[in-house]
Every structure is written in C-alpha cells, then in structure tokens.
Amino acid sequence: MISAGMIYDYINSIAPFDKAMGFDNVGILVGSRSAESERVLLALDVTGDVINEAAALGAGIILTHHPVIFSPLKRLDTDSSAYRLAASGITVISAHTNIDIAPGGVNDTLAQALGISSEEGTDGECMLVGSLSGEISADELALEIKNKLGCAGLRYWRRRGSIRTVAVACGAGGSSIFAAAQRGADALITGEIKHHEIIFAHENNIAVFDAGHFRSEDLIIEKLASMLGSQFPDTEFIKAESDTDHAVYI
C-alpha cells in the first residue's frame, strides 16, 4: 500500500508545492498523509462522478490537478465534494500551478505534444515560450493543435504573417497574452482567454489558439499516472474514465 504522504513527497520532488502561485491552494486538501490505498485515481477535477468511480474502484486516494478546495469554505453542504470525500474516507492531493510550471509539467508537456521546442519559462507567469520547427500559418497550426490534442472544436484568431515563436499557457492562461507580446511571440496557445485579451492580441498581431481548458491540461494526467506507476510499481494508478471534457460543439 502507498500512503498519501509518499505521493505528496514524490510530487514535491518534481514540482515543489511551495512554488505554487500565491492565489493557489495545493497539497493534501482532504484527509491526511497517513491515508493508505492500493489504488490511486487521477483526474483533472474532483466531481461527483469521479468520487463515485473512486469508491467503485476502492481507491482511497485521489490525485487531482485542480484543487478540490480553492476558496475558503463558509458552509459544508452534505452534497459538496469536500463533504462526500471526508464522509467516504477518501484523501485528495491537488497539484496545480506548481506542476503547471515545473520542468516536465503541464506547460512543458503541452508544448512537446505540439512540437514546440527550446522552451523557456517566464518568471512570474505560468507560461513558456518556444519555437516551431518552421514557419506555419495560423490555419495550419490550428489544425495541428486540434488533431494532436483531440479537440472536438477549437477557437482561434489569425495574425498577419506566419508563426514561428509560440507562447504556451495551459488552462486559463489568456492573461499571459501581455507577457507573450513582451517576449515577441507570434502566437499564444492556451485553454481560456477573455474578450479584452483577444482584442489586445489582435491589436498586437498575435495569433491566439483556445484549445479549451480540459484539452490543454489533460495530457498531464496520463503522464503522472505513468511516472507514479514507475516509482511505486506495487500500487495501481488509474486515470479516471469519468473525468472528461463536457463541452459540446456543433
């Protein structure tokens, strides 16, 4: 059996929890270090379906990317995820912005999947900047992102001219457009972007690709399951089948 503390310590060794951004909430958020389980379920988010899946599998530990508790709780409803987890004796570890920015973390994994090399992180930003192997049009890059990430749909905005230098900011990384402009990026690939950020991109001739929050980060879950499985071969690490992209495209 593996303990939550052992998983925490391993994640801390590759993506230190104290490197998480100030607004974040990471670590063991439900349960304790001493909790043990033969199976660990991994997911981007803790939902009711994920809790049900963990219970059905007998997984006493869930490792998530998004924090199961993000803002301070003022009320603990019996239908809430936090209450259900505690009542079920399921421990949750959440590794969020610390693993976004870590070497080999979410941004690195997303960039590598899209063929973006020579990445460099940006201090204070959950963003990296790298290069494509050659120049490409926005239409061509959009198709590559859609196919490589398995997106059912993709929003994107073109630029005047081709694309070579690309900024990558997983999840809700649209605010990185300002840092991307300072770094001279031709494009930003992210999972969410706001209207005023899109206007800024247009005014500064930066292409933007919105792959969706889920698709921009889901790659890390299978990677973490594989890494943890290699580190702790006597434990079963399972990617949650119920953790899916619920967006509908027509």
Protein backbone atom coordinates (compact mmCIF):
# COMPACT_ATOMS: atom_id res chain seq x y z
CA MET A 1 0.00 0.00 0.00
CA ILE A 2 1.03 3.55 -0.65
CA SER A 3 0.37 6.48 1.65
CA ALA A 4 -0.77 9.95 0.67
CA GLY A 5 2.43 11.25 2.24
CA MET A 6 4.56 9.17 -0.13
CA ILE A 7 2.69 10.54 -3.15
CA TYR A 8 2.92 14.08 -1.78
CA ASP A 9 6.67 13.76 -1.25
CA TYR A 10 7.22 12.42 -4.77
CA ILE A 11 5.17 15.20 -6.38
CA ASN A 12 7.02 17.69 -4.19
CA SER A 13 10.34 16.39 -5.52
CA ILE A 14 9.40 17.03 -9.16
CA ALA A 15 7.06 20.03 -8.72
CA PRO A 16 7.61 21.66 -5.31
CA PHE A 17 4.33 22.68 -3.71
CA ASP A 18 5.90 25.88 -2.38
CA LYS A 19 6.38 27.04 -5.98
CA ALA A 20 2.59 27.26 -6.49
CA MET A 21 1.30 30.75 -7.19
CA GLY A 22 0.05 32.82 -4.26
CA PHE A 23 -3.65 32.54 -5.15
CA ASP A 24 -3.47 28.75 -5.36
CA ASN A 25 -4.38 26.02 -2.89
CA VAL A 26 -2.35 22.84 -3.22
CA GLY A 27 -1.25 19.80 -1.23
CA ILE A 28 -3.26 17.31 0.79
CA LEU A 29 -6.61 19.12 0.87
CA VAL A 30 -8.83 16.35 2.23
CA GLY A 31 -7.62 13.58 4.54
CA SER A 32 -4.11 13.05 5.87
CA ARG A 33 -0.59 11.96 4.98
CA SER A 34 -1.13 8.64 6.72
CA ALA A 35 -4.04 7.58 4.49
CA GLU A 36 -3.19 4.42 2.57
CA SER A 37 -4.56 2.73 -0.53
CA GLU A 38 -3.67 0.05 -3.06
CA ARG A 39 -5.25 2.11 -5.84
CA VAL A 40 -4.97 5.81 -6.65
CA LEU A 41 -7.32 7.60 -9.03
CA LEU A 42 -6.03 10.57 -11.04
CA ALA A 43 -8.21 13.32 -12.54
CA LEU A 44 -8.14 16.97 -13.53
CA ASP A 45 -11.11 17.64 -11.23
CA VAL A 46 -12.97 16.03 -8.36
CA THR A 47 -16.59 15.71 -9.49
CA GLY A 48 -19.41 13.58 -8.16
CA ASP A 49 -18.71 11.07 -10.93
CA VAL A 50 -15.01 10.91 -10.01
CA ILE A 51 -15.90 10.29 -6.35
CA ASN A 52 -18.27 7.50 -7.41
CA GLU A 53 -15.57 5.99 -9.61
CA ALA A 54 -13.03 6.09 -6.78
CA ALA A 55 -15.50 4.38 -4.45
CA ALA A 56 -16.30 1.71 -7.03
CA LEU A 57 -12.59 1.02 -7.59
CA GLY A 58 -11.74 1.04 -3.91
CA ALA A 59 -9.34 3.93 -4.46
CA GLY A 60 -8.82 5.66 -1.12
CA ILE A 61 -6.63 8.40 -2.60
CA ILE A 62 -7.38 10.79 -5.48
CA LEU A 63 -4.68 12.94 -7.09
CA THR A 64 -6.08 15.96 -8.93
CA HIS A 65 -4.73 18.88 -10.87
CA HIS A 66 -7.39 21.41 -9.90
CA PRO A 67 -7.78 21.97 -6.15
CA VAL A 68 -10.83 20.29 -4.64
CA ILE A 69 -10.99 23.23 -2.21
CA PHE A 70 -9.97 26.52 -3.80
CA SER A 71 -11.67 29.32 -1.89
CA PRO A 72 -12.30 29.29 1.88
CA LEU A 73 -15.40 27.25 2.72
CA LYS A 74 -18.12 29.12 4.62
CA ARG A 75 -20.55 26.21 4.56
CA LEU A 76 -20.10 22.46 4.18
CA ASP A 77 -23.12 21.08 2.39
CA THR A 78 -23.70 17.32 2.54
CA ASP A 79 -23.83 17.25 -1.28
CA SER A 80 -20.49 19.02 -1.69
CA SER A 81 -17.43 17.16 -2.92
CA ALA A 82 -15.42 18.01 0.21
CA TYR A 83 -18.12 16.61 2.49
CA ARG A 84 -18.62 13.46 0.41
CA LEU A 85 -14.87 12.81 0.30
CA ALA A 86 -14.46 13.21 4.05
CA ALA A 87 -17.50 11.05 4.75
CA SER A 88 -16.15 8.37 2.42
CA GLY A 89 -12.66 8.48 3.91
CA ILE A 90 -11.10 9.43 0.58
CA THR A 91 -7.95 11.56 0.69
CA VAL A 92 -7.30 14.14 -2.04
CA ILE A 93 -3.96 15.60 -3.09
CA SER A 94 -4.07 18.53 -5.52
CA ALA A 95 -1.06 19.70 -7.54
CA HIS A 96 -1.99 22.77 -9.57
CA THR A 97 0.19 25.73 -10.57
CA ASN A 98 3.25 24.08 -9.06
CA ILE A 99 3.01 21.37 -11.71
CA ASP A 100 1.93 23.80 -14.44
CA ILE A 101 5.32 25.50 -14.31
CA ALA A 102 7.57 22.58 -13.27
CA PRO A 103 10.10 21.10 -15.72
CA GLY A 104 8.23 18.33 -17.48
CA GLY A 105 4.96 19.70 -16.08
CA VAL A 106 1.78 20.77 -17.82
CA ASN A 107 3.16 23.57 -19.99
CA ASP A 108 6.20 21.51 -20.99
CA THR A 109 4.04 18.50 -21.79
CA LEU A 110 1.63 20.60 -23.86
CA ALA A 111 4.48 22.25 -25.77
CA GLN A 112 6.17 18.92 -26.51
CA ALA A 113 2.89 17.40 -27.73
CA LEU A 114 2.58 20.27 -30.21
CA GLY A 115 6.17 20.12 -31.46
CA ILE A 116 7.29 23.33 -29.75
CA SER A 117 10.95 23.11 -28.74
CA SER A 118 13.61 25.18 -26.98
CA GLU A 119 11.10 26.29 -24.37
CA GLU A 120 11.93 28.90 -21.77
CA GLY A 121 9.73 29.71 -18.80
CA THR A 122 8.74 33.23 -17.87
CA ASP A 123 9.28 34.35 -14.28
CA GLY A 124 6.05 35.21 -12.52
CA GLU A 125 3.95 33.81 -15.36
CA CYS A 126 2.50 30.37 -15.88
CA MET A 127 3.80 30.48 -19.44
CA LEU A 128 6.71 29.33 -21.58
CA VAL A 129 7.93 30.45 -24.99
CA GLY A 130 9.38 28.16 -27.64
CA SER A 131 9.76 27.66 -31.36
CA LEU A 132 8.17 25.56 -34.05
CA SER A 133 10.46 23.66 -36.42
CA GLY A 134 9.47 26.01 -39.24
CA GLU A 135 7.11 28.80 -40.15
CA ILE A 136 3.43 27.91 -40.35
CA SER A 137 0.13 29.67 -40.94
CA ALA A 138 -2.49 30.13 -38.23
CA ASP A 139 -4.88 27.85 -40.13
CA GLU A 140 -2.26 25.09 -40.32
CA LEU A 141 -1.32 25.41 -36.65
CA ALA A 142 -4.98 25.35 -35.61
CA LEU A 143 -5.47 22.04 -37.42
CA GLU A 144 -2.34 20.58 -35.81
CA ILE A 145 -3.49 21.60 -32.31
CA LYS A 146 -6.98 20.19 -32.91
CA ASN A 147 -5.62 16.85 -34.11
CA LYS A 148 -2.79 16.44 -31.62
CA LEU A 149 -4.91 17.32 -28.57
CA GLY A 150 -8.04 15.52 -29.75
CA CYS A 151 -10.15 18.68 -29.61
CA ALA A 152 -13.75 18.36 -30.79
CA GLY A 153 -13.57 22.05 -31.64
CA LEU A 154 -11.08 24.91 -31.46
CA ARG A 155 -11.38 28.72 -31.34
CA TYR A 156 -8.56 30.68 -32.91
CA TRP A 157 -7.67 34.13 -34.18
CA ARG A 158 -5.28 34.69 -37.06
CA ARG A 159 -2.37 37.11 -37.36
CA ARG A 160 -0.86 38.90 -40.32
CA GLY A 161 2.04 36.72 -41.42
CA SER A 162 3.30 33.29 -40.43
CA ILE A 163 4.00 31.81 -36.98
CA ARG A 164 7.32 30.56 -35.61
CA THR A 165 7.66 31.74 -31.98
CA VAL A 166 4.87 30.41 -29.77
CA ALA A 167 3.89 31.11 -26.16
CA VAL A 168 2.14 28.29 -24.27
CA ALA A 169 -0.03 28.90 -21.18
CA CYS A 170 -2.15 25.93 -20.17
CA GLY A 171 -5.62 26.23 -18.63
CA ALA A 172 -6.95 29.73 -18.01
CA GLY A 173 -3.81 31.31 -19.42
CA GLY A 174 -5.29 34.09 -21.53
CA SER A 175 -3.83 36.77 -19.28
CA SER A 176 -0.39 35.64 -20.44
CA ILE A 177 -1.03 37.42 -23.75
CA PHE A 178 0.64 40.55 -22.34
CA ALA A 179 3.82 38.67 -21.40
CA ALA A 180 3.69 36.87 -24.75
CA ALA A 181 3.74 40.25 -26.51
CA GLN A 182 6.74 41.35 -24.45
CA ARG A 183 8.56 38.16 -25.44
CA GLY A 184 7.87 38.76 -29.13
CA ALA A 185 5.65 35.70 -29.57
CA ASP A 186 3.78 35.29 -32.83
CA ALA A 187 1.07 33.23 -31.14
CA LEU A 188 -0.35 32.12 -27.80
CA ILE A 189 -1.77 28.65 -27.21
CA THR A 190 -3.98 28.43 -24.14
CA GLY A 191 -7.12 26.89 -22.70
CA GLU A 192 -9.17 30.01 -21.92
CA ILE A 193 -8.97 33.65 -22.94
CA LYS A 194 -11.15 36.71 -22.25
CA HIS A 195 -12.52 39.22 -24.74
CA HIS A 196 -10.24 42.12 -23.79
CA GLU A 197 -7.23 39.81 -24.07
CA ILE A 198 -8.31 38.79 -27.56
CA ILE A 199 -8.61 42.48 -28.52
CA PHE A 200 -5.08 43.07 -27.22
CA ALA A 201 -3.83 40.12 -29.27
CA HIS A 202 -5.50 41.49 -32.40
CA GLU A 203 -4.06 44.96 -31.85
CA ASN A 204 -0.58 43.48 -31.38
CA ASN A 205 -0.82 41.00 -34.28
CA ILE A 206 -0.60 37.88 -32.12
CA ALA A 207 -2.49 34.75 -33.15
CA VAL A 208 -4.43 33.06 -30.34
CA PHE A 209 -5.49 29.42 -30.07
CA ASP A 210 -8.07 28.48 -27.44
CA ALA A 211 -7.96 24.68 -27.19
CA GLY A 212 -10.26 24.52 -24.17
CA HIS A 213 -9.20 24.23 -20.54
CA PHE A 214 -9.62 20.45 -20.37
CA ARG A 215 -7.71 19.62 -23.56
CA SER A 216 -4.86 21.96 -22.70
CA GLU A 217 -4.18 20.14 -19.42
CA ASP A 218 -5.50 16.58 -19.64
CA LEU A 219 -2.19 15.31 -21.08
CA ILE A 220 -0.54 15.62 -17.66
CA ILE A 221 -2.87 13.11 -16.00
CA GLU A 222 -1.79 10.09 -18.01
CA LYS A 223 1.84 11.22 -17.75
CA LEU A 224 1.61 11.46 -13.95
CA ALA A 225 -0.06 8.05 -13.76
CA SER A 226 2.83 6.55 -15.73
CA MET A 227 5.51 8.32 -13.67
CA LEU A 228 3.93 7.31 -10.37
CA GLY A 229 3.46 3.75 -11.59
CA SER A 230 7.18 3.52 -12.36
CA GLN A 231 8.10 4.99 -9.00
CA PHE A 232 5.67 2.83 -7.00
CA PRO A 233 5.15 -0.39 -9.01
CA ASP A 234 3.17 -2.10 -6.25
CA THR A 235 0.38 0.49 -6.48
CA GLU A 236 -2.22 0.85 -9.25
CA PHE A 237 -2.51 4.40 -10.61
CA ILE A 238 -5.65 4.84 -12.70
CA LYS A 239 -6.72 7.75 -14.93
CA ALA A 240 -10.37 8.45 -14.17
CA GLU A 241 -12.66 7.47 -17.03
CA SER A 242 -15.38 9.76 -15.70
CA ASP A 243 -13.16 12.85 -15.91
CA THR A 244 -13.98 14.09 -19.41
CA ASP A 245 -14.42 17.27 -21.42
CA HIS A 246 -18.09 18.15 -21.02
CA ALA A 247 -18.10 20.87 -23.71
CA VAL A 248 -20.40 20.27 -26.67
CA TYR A 249 -19.53 21.54 -30.16
CA ILE A 250 -21.97 21.83 -33.07
